[in-house]
Protein backbone atom coordinates (compact mmCIF):
# COMPACT_ATOMS: atom_id res chain seq x y z
CA MET A 1 -11.70 25.28 10.11
CA LYS A 2 -10.30 27.08 7.02
CA LEU A 3 -7.75 24.12 6.07
CA LEU A 4 -10.35 21.48 5.88
CA ARG A 5 -12.09 20.41 2.82
CA LYS A 6 -15.50 19.64 2.27
CA SER A 7 -15.17 15.87 2.09
CA PHE A 8 -13.09 13.74 4.39
CA ASN A 9 -10.81 10.79 2.71
CA PRO A 10 -11.29 7.58 4.99
CA TRP A 11 -7.90 6.22 3.74
CA VAL A 12 -6.29 8.83 6.24
CA LEU A 13 -7.49 6.74 9.23
CA VAL A 14 -6.23 3.50 7.42
CA PHE A 15 -2.91 4.71 6.87
CA VAL A 16 -2.50 6.67 10.15
CA GLY A 17 -3.55 3.50 11.99
CA THR A 18 -1.35 1.28 10.12
CA ALA A 19 1.55 3.58 10.54
CA ILE A 20 0.92 3.63 14.44
CA PHE A 21 0.73 -0.16 14.53
CA HIS A 22 3.93 -0.58 12.66
CA ILE A 23 5.61 2.08 15.18
CA TRP A 24 4.46 -0.37 17.76
CA ARG A 25 5.65 -3.18 15.86
CA GLY A 26 9.05 -1.70 15.19
CA SER A 27 9.24 -2.46 11.46
CA LEU A 28 11.08 0.45 9.89
CA GLU A 29 10.12 -0.44 6.12
CA ASP A 30 6.53 -0.37 7.16
CA ILE A 31 6.74 2.71 9.14
CA LEU A 32 8.36 4.44 6.15
CA ILE A 33 5.66 3.11 3.80
CA PHE A 34 2.54 3.76 5.68
CA GLY A 35 3.86 6.82 7.74
CA GLY A 36 4.93 8.61 4.45
CA ALA A 37 1.53 7.81 2.85
CA ALA A 38 -0.39 8.82 5.81
CA ALA A 39 1.66 12.26 5.97
CA LEU A 40 1.04 12.69 2.37
CA ILE A 41 -2.75 12.12 2.44
CA LEU A 42 -3.19 14.19 5.56
CA SER A 43 -1.23 17.07 3.82
CA GLN A 44 -3.69 17.19 1.06
CA VAL A 45 -6.82 16.42 3.16
CA LEU A 46 -5.89 19.45 5.35
CA GLY A 47 -5.31 21.54 2.33
CA LEU A 48 -1.47 21.87 3.31
CA THR A 49 -0.25 20.93 -0.33
CA ALA A 50 -1.70 21.62 -3.46
CA ILE A 51 1.04 19.91 -5.47
CA GLY A 52 0.80 17.40 -7.92
CA LEU A 53 0.38 16.83 -11.68
CA SER A 54 -2.70 18.41 -13.38
CA ARG A 55 -3.84 14.74 -14.22
CA GLN A 56 -3.21 11.28 -13.44
CA PRO A 57 -0.03 10.03 -15.30
CA LYS A 58 -0.39 7.33 -18.02
CA VAL A 59 2.57 4.88 -18.14
CA SER A 60 3.27 2.64 -21.00
CA SER A 61 2.49 -1.14 -20.43
CA TRP A 62 5.97 -2.03 -21.54
CA LEU A 63 7.77 0.24 -18.98
CA ILE A 64 5.39 -1.34 -16.13
CA ASP A 65 6.15 -4.95 -17.47
CA ALA A 66 9.86 -4.23 -17.57
CA PHE A 67 9.94 -2.76 -14.18
CA ILE A 68 7.83 -5.70 -12.56
CA LEU A 69 10.28 -8.22 -14.32
CA ALA A 70 13.10 -6.24 -13.21
CA SER A 71 12.06 -6.14 -9.45
CA ALA A 72 10.96 -9.86 -9.62
CA LEU A 73 14.53 -10.64 -10.92
CA ILE A 74 16.24 -8.64 -8.37
CA LEU A 75 14.15 -10.23 -5.51
CA TYR A 76 14.71 -13.55 -6.90
CA PHE A 77 18.48 -13.33 -7.01
CA SER A 78 18.87 -11.34 -3.81
CA PRO A 79 18.73 -12.77 -0.40
CA ARG A 80 15.89 -11.86 1.79
CA HIS A 81 16.41 -9.11 4.16
CA SER A 82 19.48 -7.93 2.21
CA LEU A 83 20.45 -4.16 1.35
CA LEU A 84 19.54 -4.74 -2.33
CA ASN A 85 16.25 -6.28 -1.35
CA LEU A 86 15.40 -3.29 1.06
CA VAL A 87 16.56 -0.67 -1.56
CA THR A 88 14.34 -2.36 -4.37
CA LEU A 89 11.21 -2.31 -2.11
CA LEU A 90 12.05 1.29 -0.99
CA ILE A 91 12.22 2.46 -4.54
CA PHE A 92 8.51 1.64 -4.73
CA ILE A 93 7.64 4.54 -2.64
CA PRO A 94 8.67 7.42 -4.81
CA ILE A 95 7.06 5.72 -7.67
CA GLY A 96 3.74 5.13 -5.92
CA ILE A 97 3.93 8.98 -4.94
CA PHE A 98 4.41 10.00 -8.52
CA LEU A 99 1.65 8.05 -9.71
CA LEU A 100 -0.72 9.28 -7.02
CA MET A 101 0.33 12.82 -7.02
CA TYR A 102 -2.40 14.44 -9.21
CA ARG A 103 -4.93 16.73 -8.49
CA ASP A 104 -8.61 15.80 -9.05
CA PRO A 105 -10.92 18.20 -10.86
CA VAL A 106 -12.59 20.42 -8.42
CA SER A 107 -16.09 19.33 -9.57
CA GLN A 108 -16.62 15.77 -10.31
CA MET A 109 -19.52 13.66 -11.18
CA PRO A 110 -21.22 11.66 -8.28
CA PRO A 111 -20.07 8.01 -8.20
CA ARG A 112 -22.13 5.39 -9.89
CA PRO A 113 -24.14 2.78 -7.54
CA GLN A 114 -21.69 0.07 -8.96
CA VAL A 115 -18.73 2.36 -7.48
CA LEU A 116 -20.54 2.74 -4.19
CA THR A 117 -21.04 -0.82 -3.90
CA ALA A 118 -17.46 -1.64 -4.84
CA ARG A 119 -16.26 0.88 -2.21
CA LEU A 120 -18.42 -0.74 0.62
CA VAL A 121 -17.30 -4.36 -0.36
CA TRP A 122 -13.50 -3.24 -0.65
CA GLY A 123 -14.00 -1.46 2.64
CA VAL A 124 -15.69 -4.21 4.52
CA TRP A 125 -12.89 -6.72 3.38
CA ALA A 126 -10.12 -4.36 4.44
CA VAL A 127 -11.66 -3.83 7.72
CA CYS A 128 -12.33 -7.70 8.54
CA PHE A 129 -8.68 -8.51 7.29
CA ALA A 130 -7.16 -5.71 9.21
CA LEU A 131 -9.12 -7.05 12.41
CA ILE A 132 -7.99 -10.45 11.77
CA GLU A 133 -4.37 -9.48 11.62
CA LEU A 134 -4.44 -7.38 14.67
CA VAL A 135 -6.24 -10.15 16.70
CA ALA A 136 -3.51 -12.58 15.47
CA TYR A 137 -0.65 -10.12 16.31
CA VAL A 138 -1.87 -9.18 19.71
CA GLY A 139 -2.71 -12.95 20.36
CA SER A 140 0.64 -14.05 19.41
CA LYS A 141 2.37 -11.31 21.47
CA LEU A 142 0.24 -12.06 24.61
CA THR A 143 0.59 -15.83 24.44
CA GLY A 144 4.06 -16.06 22.68
CA ASP A 145 2.83 -18.74 20.37
CA LEU A 146 2.75 -18.01 16.50
CA GLY A 147 1.30 -21.08 15.75
CA SER A 148 -2.14 -20.63 17.33
CA PHE A 149 -2.21 -17.07 16.20
CA PRO A 150 -0.22 -16.87 12.94
CA THR A 151 -0.21 -13.50 11.42
CA ILE A 152 -0.14 -12.89 7.52
CA SER A 153 3.52 -12.52 7.44
CA VAL A 154 3.96 -15.70 9.42
CA LEU A 155 1.73 -17.47 6.86
CA LEU A 156 3.81 -16.17 4.07
CA ASP A 157 7.12 -16.67 5.49
CA PRO A 158 7.55 -20.05 4.03
CA VAL A 159 6.79 -18.52 0.51
CA LEU A 160 8.87 -15.32 0.88
CA ASP A 161 11.97 -17.40 2.10
CA GLU A 162 12.02 -18.98 -1.34
CA SER A 163 13.47 -16.84 -3.96
CA PHE A 164 11.04 -18.09 -6.60
CA GLY A 165 8.08 -17.48 -4.18
CA ARG A 166 9.36 -13.96 -3.23
CA ALA A 167 9.67 -12.86 -6.93
CA ILE A 168 6.29 -14.08 -7.88
CA PHE A 169 4.51 -12.64 -4.82
CA VAL A 170 6.07 -9.20 -5.43
CA ALA A 171 5.33 -9.36 -9.17
CA LEU A 172 1.69 -10.08 -8.33
CA TRP A 173 1.61 -7.45 -5.59
CA LEU A 174 3.01 -4.80 -8.16
CA MET A 175 0.56 -5.76 -10.81
CA ALA A 176 -2.41 -5.48 -8.34
CA GLY A 177 -0.98 -2.18 -7.24
CA VAL A 178 -0.91 -0.83 -10.90
CA TYR A 179 -4.51 -1.89 -11.26
CA LEU A 180 -5.60 -0.34 -7.98
CA PHE A 181 -3.86 3.07 -8.87
CA GLY A 182 -5.84 3.05 -12.19
CA VAL A 183 -2.66 3.76 -13.98
CA ARG A 184 -3.56 1.59 -17.16
CA ARG A 185 -7.52 2.22 -16.92
CA ARG A 186 -9.06 4.47 -19.38
């Protein structure tokens, strides 16, 4: 097929599968996040979009720190599931798209063995936790017992119900995202 590139991005399966799972779950925010990411990645893999910056943007650390602090403060002072909370979390989507919308060079050096090992370790970790979450979710729905089959969100609810826990969790989540996006890496 003319549109397909020479390689396949396995993240397509992850995001499409997660989007379908959240459609089944009925979580609008997660559908927007994972469905949007799936559509974006699919459009690039199929060669339908060739848009993007010529190289990955570099963002100053003070701006990243200020954004993380502002987000944590907003989530600390706003009630959980409030409109302000939702808007703050949805703002992360266009920021993430901006940080990821760059074109890789056509020719790249093959990955080093350490990179291949790290990909394998992260991939196995992600698949294991996704399966655990799926089994817990299906088990809790079939039995009606969240205590015997707690999902990650059920385990995190006590922490996220507290303003301080929600602010710290989101700050750590954003810092991990900055690291995984490679925004501050040389």
